[in-house]
Amino acid sequence: MLLAGYVVKRFGKRRMMLFAVAAGCCFISG
């Protein structure tokens, strides 16, 4: 959780959400 918070602070929530959606799509299709 601490790592996730650090990433959000560095990249921003919008980019984090996009990354989460992309990872989810790859996981579902893969």
C-alpha atoms as a PDB file:
ATOM      1  CA  MET A   1       0.000   0.000   0.000  1.00  0.00           C
ATOM      2  CA  LEU A   2       2.862   2.396   0.780  1.00  0.00           C
ATOM      3  CA  LEU A   3       4.364   1.714  -2.640  1.00  0.00           C
ATOM      4  CA  ALA A   4       1.009   2.398  -4.307  1.00  0.00           C
ATOM      5  CA  GLY A   5       0.716   5.715  -2.454  1.00  0.00           C
ATOM      6  CA  TYR A   6       4.229   6.688  -3.543  1.00  0.00           C
ATOM      7  CA  VAL A   7       3.420   5.885  -7.179  1.00  0.00           C
ATOM      8  CA  VAL A   8       0.203   7.921  -7.031  1.00  0.00           C
ATOM      9  CA  LYS A   9       2.104  10.918  -5.646  1.00  0.00           C
ATOM     10  CA  ARG A  10       4.692  10.688  -8.429  1.00  0.00           C
ATOM     11  CA  PHE A  11       2.444  10.014 -11.424  1.00  0.00           C
ATOM     12  CA  GLY A  12      -0.979  11.268 -10.379  1.00  0.00           C
ATOM     13  CA  LYS A  13      -4.297   9.492  -9.924  1.00  0.00           C
ATOM     14  CA  ARG A  14      -5.420   9.902 -13.545  1.00  0.00           C
ATOM     15  CA  ARG A  15      -2.377   8.081 -14.946  1.00  0.00           C
ATOM     16  CA  MET A  16      -2.639   5.482 -12.201  1.00  0.00           C
ATOM     17  CA  MET A  17      -6.256   4.797 -13.182  1.00  0.00           C
ATOM     18  CA  LEU A  18      -5.272   4.464 -16.856  1.00  0.00           C
ATOM     19  CA  PHE A  19      -2.519   2.032 -15.883  1.00  0.00           C
ATOM     20  CA  ALA A  20      -4.958   0.015 -13.760  1.00  0.00           C
ATOM     21  CA  VAL A  21      -7.479  -0.181 -16.622  1.00  0.00           C
ATOM     22  CA  ALA A  22      -4.779  -1.188 -19.120  1.00  0.00           C
ATOM     23  CA  ALA A  23      -3.429  -3.851 -16.754  1.00  0.00           C
ATOM     24  CA  GLY A  24      -6.970  -5.150 -16.185  1.00  0.00           C
ATOM     25  CA  CYS A  25      -7.638  -5.396 -19.929  1.00  0.00           C
ATOM     26  CA  CYS A  26      -4.349  -7.209 -20.505  1.00  0.00           C
ATOM     27  CA  PHE A  27      -5.101  -9.586 -17.625  1.00  0.00           C
ATOM     28  CA  ILE A  28      -8.615 -10.352 -18.927  1.00  0.00           C
ATOM     29  CA  SER A  29      -7.560 -10.821 -22.565  1.00  0.00           C
ATOM     30  CA  GLY A  30      -4.403 -12.698 -21.614  1.00  0.00           C
END
